[in-house]
Amino acid sequence: MRIFYSNQSTDRQRHLGSYLDPKTAPQGFGPFYNALVAEIVCPWLARVGNVNDGGKWTCNPWALPDNCIIYSLGVGPDITFELETFKVSEERCKIYSFDPDPKLGQRLVDLKSDRFVFTPLRIAAETNDAQHQKTVADIMKQFSHSFIDFFKIDIEGKYILTFKNETIASSAF
């Protein structure tokens, strides 16, 4: 863990330092929180991916099982989470990524690996094929998955995610 954290130390310091100069400080505090260490109880807590918006705090990503299934909702402009999760898991996982913008997922497609699957669609409360949107449950059916080992959500906009008739995430930005 010490080595993993020290490898990100320089990026984290640079990112935090950008907030000290009003001329270069990013607008808003959302990105600021990405550089901080999360406060949860996990002896193997690690930020996987870049220390800015693309990375995510995870608990022991090294313990992912063989042939694990990862869903990454929201690819965005930074695919370091997907790439580093793949590396940390020693290429044991298959990563299914979803984003309504096909250009954002093209970088994963360009890897030409059967371990990365990108589908351009919007996650929604109801499936509507004409609008390229599906529920998580319908995506799982499409890929014949009964279980997701790791579920990353990083989406903006007006979304309500439901799973088995329970709201699991909601945002309206």
C-alpha atoms as a PDB file:
ATOM      1  CA  MET A   1       0.000   0.000   0.000  1.00  0.00           C
ATOM      2  CA  ARG A   2       2.817   2.402   0.835  1.00  0.00           C
ATOM      3  CA  ILE A   3       4.284   2.002  -2.657  1.00  0.00           C
ATOM      4  CA  PHE A   4       0.880   2.425  -4.295  1.00  0.00           C
ATOM      5  CA  TYR A   5       0.190   5.676  -2.368  1.00  0.00           C
ATOM      6  CA  SER A   6       3.698   7.023  -2.921  1.00  0.00           C
ATOM      7  CA  ASN A   7       3.346   6.522  -6.684  1.00  0.00           C
ATOM      8  CA  GLN A   8       0.369   8.917  -6.630  1.00  0.00           C
ATOM      9  CA  SER A   9       1.883  11.380  -4.148  1.00  0.00           C
ATOM     10  CA  THR A  10       3.382  13.784  -6.700  1.00  0.00           C
ATOM     11  CA  ASP A  11       0.141  13.991  -8.716  1.00  0.00           C
ATOM     12  CA  ARG A  12      -1.901  14.484  -5.556  1.00  0.00           C
ATOM     13  CA  GLN A  13       0.396  17.297  -4.339  1.00  0.00           C
ATOM     14  CA  ARG A  14       0.359  18.995  -7.752  1.00  0.00           C
ATOM     15  CA  HIS A  15      -3.426  18.776  -7.900  1.00  0.00           C
ATOM     16  CA  LEU A  16      -3.893  20.159  -4.383  1.00  0.00           C
ATOM     17  CA  GLY A  17      -1.314  22.872  -5.072  1.00  0.00           C
ATOM     18  CA  SER A  18      -3.322  24.091  -8.072  1.00  0.00           C
ATOM     19  CA  TYR A  19      -5.926  25.355  -5.598  1.00  0.00           C
ATOM     20  CA  LEU A  20      -3.410  27.676  -3.906  1.00  0.00           C
ATOM     21  CA  ASP A  21      -3.056  30.005  -6.894  1.00  0.00           C
ATOM     22  CA  PRO A  22      -6.309  31.892  -7.671  1.00  0.00           C
ATOM     23  CA  LYS A  23      -5.200  32.282 -11.315  1.00  0.00           C
ATOM     24  CA  THR A  24      -4.987  28.526 -11.900  1.00  0.00           C
ATOM     25  CA  ALA A  25      -7.477  27.204  -9.331  1.00  0.00           C
ATOM     26  CA  PRO A  26     -10.214  25.084 -10.920  1.00  0.00           C
ATOM     27  CA  GLN A  27     -13.767  26.329 -10.536  1.00  0.00           C
ATOM     28  CA  GLY A  28     -15.776  24.604  -7.806  1.00  0.00           C
ATOM     29  CA  PHE A  29     -14.574  22.188  -5.187  1.00  0.00           C
ATOM     30  CA  GLY A  30     -15.608  18.875  -6.745  1.00  0.00           C
ATOM     31  CA  PRO A  31     -12.145  18.166  -8.194  1.00  0.00           C
ATOM     32  CA  PHE A  32     -10.526  19.258  -4.899  1.00  0.00           C
ATOM     33  CA  TYR A  33     -12.125  16.343  -3.061  1.00  0.00           C
ATOM     34  CA  ASN A  34     -10.718  13.868  -5.596  1.00  0.00           C
ATOM     35  CA  ALA A  35      -7.190  14.531  -4.322  1.00  0.00           C
ATOM     36  CA  LEU A  36      -8.072  13.881  -0.687  1.00  0.00           C
ATOM     37  CA  VAL A  37      -7.829  10.448   0.887  1.00  0.00           C
ATOM     38  CA  ALA A  38     -11.260   8.969   1.612  1.00  0.00           C
ATOM     39  CA  GLU A  39     -12.214   8.346   5.232  1.00  0.00           C
ATOM     40  CA  ILE A  40     -13.626   4.838   5.381  1.00  0.00           C
ATOM     41  CA  VAL A  41     -12.549   1.798   7.323  1.00  0.00           C
ATOM     42  CA  CYS A  42     -10.572  -0.310   4.881  1.00  0.00           C
ATOM     43  CA  PRO A  43      -6.986  -1.375   5.516  1.00  0.00           C
ATOM     44  CA  TRP A  44      -6.421  -1.700   1.763  1.00  0.00           C
ATOM     45  CA  LEU A  45      -8.038   1.559   0.635  1.00  0.00           C
ATOM     46  CA  ALA A  46      -6.596   2.693  -2.691  1.00  0.00           C
ATOM     47  CA  ARG A  47      -7.409   5.310  -5.276  1.00  0.00           C
ATOM     48  CA  VAL A  48      -7.434   3.492  -8.596  1.00  0.00           C
ATOM     49  CA  GLY A  49      -6.874   5.652 -11.644  1.00  0.00           C
ATOM     50  CA  ASN A  50      -5.652   9.209 -11.744  1.00  0.00           C
ATOM     51  CA  VAL A  51      -5.838  11.434  -8.673  1.00  0.00           C
ATOM     52  CA  ASN A  52      -8.176  13.831 -10.457  1.00  0.00           C
ATOM     53  CA  ASP A  53     -11.737  13.068 -11.578  1.00  0.00           C
ATOM     54  CA  GLY A  54     -11.002   9.795 -13.408  1.00  0.00           C
ATOM     55  CA  GLY A  55      -9.777   7.848 -10.376  1.00  0.00           C
ATOM     56  CA  LYS A  56     -12.038   6.310  -7.729  1.00  0.00           C
ATOM     57  CA  TRP A  57     -11.485   5.185  -4.132  1.00  0.00           C
ATOM     58  CA  THR A  58     -11.774   1.419  -3.806  1.00  0.00           C
ATOM     59  CA  CYS A  59     -11.307  -1.125  -1.047  1.00  0.00           C
ATOM     60  CA  ASN A  60      -8.748  -3.789  -1.918  1.00  0.00           C
ATOM     61  CA  PRO A  61      -9.001  -3.922  -5.712  1.00  0.00           C
ATOM     62  CA  TRP A  62      -6.294  -6.620  -5.611  1.00  0.00           C
ATOM     63  CA  ALA A  63      -8.838  -9.043  -4.104  1.00  0.00           C
ATOM     64  CA  LEU A  64     -11.117  -9.114  -7.137  1.00  0.00           C
ATOM     65  CA  PRO A  65     -11.842 -12.759  -7.993  1.00  0.00           C
ATOM     66  CA  ASP A  66     -10.821 -14.579 -11.154  1.00  0.00           C
ATOM     67  CA  ASN A  67     -13.098 -13.833 -14.114  1.00  0.00           C
ATOM     68  CA  CYS A  68     -14.646 -10.905 -12.269  1.00  0.00           C
ATOM     69  CA  ILE A  69     -17.236  -8.651 -13.860  1.00  0.00           C
ATOM     70  CA  ILE A  70     -16.879  -4.880 -13.534  1.00  0.00           C
ATOM     71  CA  TYR A  71     -19.502  -2.356 -14.641  1.00  0.00           C
ATOM     72  CA  SER A  72     -18.279   1.191 -15.188  1.00  0.00           C
ATOM     73  CA  LEU A  73     -21.184   3.586 -15.656  1.00  0.00           C
ATOM     74  CA  GLY A  74     -19.907   6.818 -17.141  1.00  0.00           C
ATOM     75  CA  VAL A  75     -16.616   6.711 -19.024  1.00  0.00           C
ATOM     76  CA  GLY A  76     -15.990  10.435 -19.336  1.00  0.00           C
ATOM     77  CA  PRO A  77     -12.790  11.899 -20.743  1.00  0.00           C
ATOM     78  CA  ASP A  78     -10.513   9.900 -18.405  1.00  0.00           C
ATOM     79  CA  ILE A  79     -10.235   6.098 -18.679  1.00  0.00           C
ATOM     80  CA  THR A  80      -7.465   5.691 -16.077  1.00  0.00           C
ATOM     81  CA  PHE A  81      -9.866   3.969 -13.661  1.00  0.00           C
ATOM     82  CA  GLU A  82     -10.653   1.239 -16.187  1.00  0.00           C
ATOM     83  CA  LEU A  83      -7.018   0.825 -17.260  1.00  0.00           C
ATOM     84  CA  GLU A  84      -5.556   0.736 -13.756  1.00  0.00           C
ATOM     85  CA  THR A  85      -8.287  -1.558 -12.410  1.00  0.00           C
ATOM     86  CA  PHE A  86      -7.437  -3.954 -15.224  1.00  0.00           C
ATOM     87  CA  LYS A  87      -3.745  -3.761 -14.320  1.00  0.00           C
ATOM     88  CA  VAL A  88      -4.275  -4.062 -10.537  1.00  0.00           C
ATOM     89  CA  SER A  89      -6.545  -7.077 -11.027  1.00  0.00           C
ATOM     90  CA  GLU A  90      -3.767  -8.705 -13.069  1.00  0.00           C
ATOM     91  CA  GLU A  91      -6.090  -8.789 -16.085  1.00  0.00           C
ATOM     92  CA  ARG A  92      -8.520 -11.170 -14.321  1.00  0.00           C
ATOM     93  CA  CYS A  93     -11.558  -8.965 -14.903  1.00  0.00           C
ATOM     94  CA  LYS A  94     -13.748  -8.120 -17.831  1.00  0.00           C
ATOM     95  CA  ILE A  95     -14.742  -4.461 -17.743  1.00  0.00           C
ATOM     96  CA  TYR A  96     -18.079  -3.395 -19.219  1.00  0.00           C
ATOM     97  CA  SER A  97     -18.241   0.380 -19.690  1.00  0.00           C
ATOM     98  CA  PHE A  98     -21.274   2.459 -20.597  1.00  0.00           C
ATOM     99  CA  ASP A  99     -21.590   6.088 -21.666  1.00  0.00           C
ATOM    100  CA  PRO A 100     -24.071   7.814 -23.969  1.00  0.00           C
ATOM    101  CA  ASP A 101     -21.204   9.454 -25.899  1.00  0.00           C
ATOM    102  CA  PRO A 102     -19.648   6.891 -28.264  1.00  0.00           C
ATOM    103  CA  LYS A 103     -16.556   9.104 -28.732  1.00  0.00           C
ATOM    104  CA  LEU A 104     -15.664   8.732 -25.041  1.00  0.00           C
ATOM    105  CA  GLY A 105     -15.758   4.949 -25.213  1.00  0.00           C
ATOM    106  CA  GLN A 106     -13.810   4.748 -28.450  1.00  0.00           C
ATOM    107  CA  ARG A 107     -10.521   4.807 -26.513  1.00  0.00           C
ATOM    108  CA  LEU A 108     -11.525   1.537 -24.815  1.00  0.00           C
ATOM    109  CA  VAL A 109     -12.577   0.034 -28.154  1.00  0.00           C
ATOM    110  CA  ASP A 110      -9.208   1.063 -29.639  1.00  0.00           C
ATOM    111  CA  LEU A 111      -7.439  -1.159 -27.097  1.00  0.00           C
ATOM    112  CA  LYS A 112      -8.666  -4.137 -29.149  1.00  0.00           C
ATOM    113  CA  SER A 113      -8.995  -6.337 -26.070  1.00  0.00           C
ATOM    114  CA  ASP A 114     -11.847  -8.723 -25.405  1.00  0.00           C
ATOM    115  CA  ARG A 115     -11.486  -7.785 -21.704  1.00  0.00           C
ATOM    116  CA  PHE A 116     -12.952  -4.301 -22.387  1.00  0.00           C
ATOM    117  CA  VAL A 117     -16.514  -3.998 -23.652  1.00  0.00           C
ATOM    118  CA  PHE A 118     -17.923  -0.552 -24.378  1.00  0.00           C
ATOM    119  CA  THR A 119     -21.600   0.054 -25.096  1.00  0.00           C
ATOM    120  CA  PRO A 120     -22.785   3.551 -26.032  1.00  0.00           C
ATOM    121  CA  LEU A 121     -25.964   3.980 -24.036  1.00  0.00           C
ATOM    122  CA  ARG A 122     -27.523   5.971 -21.241  1.00  0.00           C
ATOM    123  CA  ILE A 123     -28.380   4.291 -17.948  1.00  0.00           C
ATOM    124  CA  ALA A 124     -32.027   4.975 -17.158  1.00  0.00           C
ATOM    125  CA  ALA A 125     -34.970   3.986 -14.988  1.00  0.00           C
ATOM    126  CA  GLU A 126     -36.673   2.437 -18.026  1.00  0.00           C
ATOM    127  CA  THR A 127     -35.277   0.736 -21.104  1.00  0.00           C
ATOM    128  CA  ASN A 128     -35.968   2.575 -24.351  1.00  0.00           C
ATOM    129  CA  ASP A 129     -33.987   1.138 -27.263  1.00  0.00           C
ATOM    130  CA  ALA A 130     -35.000   4.005 -29.583  1.00  0.00           C
ATOM    131  CA  GLN A 131     -33.304   6.469 -27.200  1.00  0.00           C
ATOM    132  CA  HIS A 132     -30.317   4.158 -26.537  1.00  0.00           C
ATOM    133  CA  GLN A 133     -31.054   3.810 -22.834  1.00  0.00           C
ATOM    134  CA  LYS A 134     -31.311   0.739 -20.601  1.00  0.00           C
ATOM    135  CA  THR A 135     -31.767  -0.212 -17.002  1.00  0.00           C
ATOM    136  CA  VAL A 136     -28.919  -1.943 -15.189  1.00  0.00           C
ATOM    137  CA  ALA A 137     -31.103  -5.047 -14.880  1.00  0.00           C
ATOM    138  CA  ASP A 138     -31.657  -5.154 -18.669  1.00  0.00           C
ATOM    139  CA  ILE A 139     -27.919  -4.674 -19.303  1.00  0.00           C
ATOM    140  CA  MET A 140     -27.207  -7.609 -16.995  1.00  0.00           C
ATOM    141  CA  LYS A 141     -29.728  -9.719 -18.936  1.00  0.00           C
ATOM    142  CA  GLN A 142     -28.159  -8.637 -22.254  1.00  0.00           C
ATOM    143  CA  PHE A 143     -24.739  -9.899 -21.137  1.00  0.00           C
ATOM    144  CA  SER A 144     -26.116 -12.889 -19.164  1.00  0.00           C
ATOM    145  CA  HIS A 145     -24.729 -11.597 -15.853  1.00  0.00           C
ATOM    146  CA  SER A 146     -26.322 -12.571 -12.553  1.00  0.00           C
ATOM    147  CA  PHE A 147     -23.683 -10.810 -10.439  1.00  0.00           C
ATOM    148  CA  ILE A 148     -21.445  -7.727 -10.689  1.00  0.00           C
ATOM    149  CA  ASP A 149     -18.201  -7.889  -8.687  1.00  0.00           C
ATOM    150  CA  PHE A 150     -17.418  -4.166  -8.870  1.00  0.00           C
ATOM    151  CA  PHE A 151     -19.892  -1.410  -9.760  1.00  0.00           C
ATOM    152  CA  LYS A 152     -18.506   2.082 -10.510  1.00  0.00           C
ATOM    153  CA  ILE A 153     -20.928   4.963 -11.037  1.00  0.00           C
ATOM    154  CA  ASP A 154     -19.695   8.337 -12.267  1.00  0.00           C
ATOM    155  CA  ILE A 155     -22.537   9.973 -14.151  1.00  0.00           C
ATOM    156  CA  GLU A 156     -23.887  13.473 -14.381  1.00  0.00           C
ATOM    157  CA  GLY A 157     -27.141  14.777 -15.681  1.00  0.00           C
ATOM    158  CA  LYS A 158     -30.640  13.751 -14.800  1.00  0.00           C
ATOM    159  CA  TYR A 159     -30.484  10.068 -13.922  1.00  0.00           C
ATOM    160  CA  ILE A 160     -32.257   7.769 -11.547  1.00  0.00           C
ATOM    161  CA  LEU A 161     -30.852   4.252 -11.339  1.00  0.00           C
ATOM    162  CA  THR A 162     -33.115   1.497 -10.130  1.00  0.00           C
ATOM    163  CA  PHE A 163     -32.300  -2.107  -9.467  1.00  0.00           C
ATOM    164  CA  LYS A 164     -34.931  -4.620  -8.372  1.00  0.00           C
ATOM    165  CA  ASN A 165     -37.402  -1.725  -7.976  1.00  0.00           C
ATOM    166  CA  GLU A 166     -35.152   0.161  -5.517  1.00  0.00           C
ATOM    167  CA  THR A 167     -33.446   3.458  -6.300  1.00  0.00           C
ATOM    168  CA  ILE A 168     -29.680   2.936  -5.978  1.00  0.00           C
ATOM    169  CA  ALA A 169     -28.421   6.291  -7.237  1.00  0.00           C
ATOM    170  CA  SER A 170     -29.888   9.572  -8.265  1.00  0.00           C
ATOM    171  CA  SER A 171     -28.410  12.755  -9.638  1.00  0.00           C
ATOM    172  CA  ALA A 172     -29.712  15.890 -11.274  1.00  0.00           C
ATOM    173  CA  PHE A 173     -26.811  18.147 -12.284  1.00  0.00           C
END
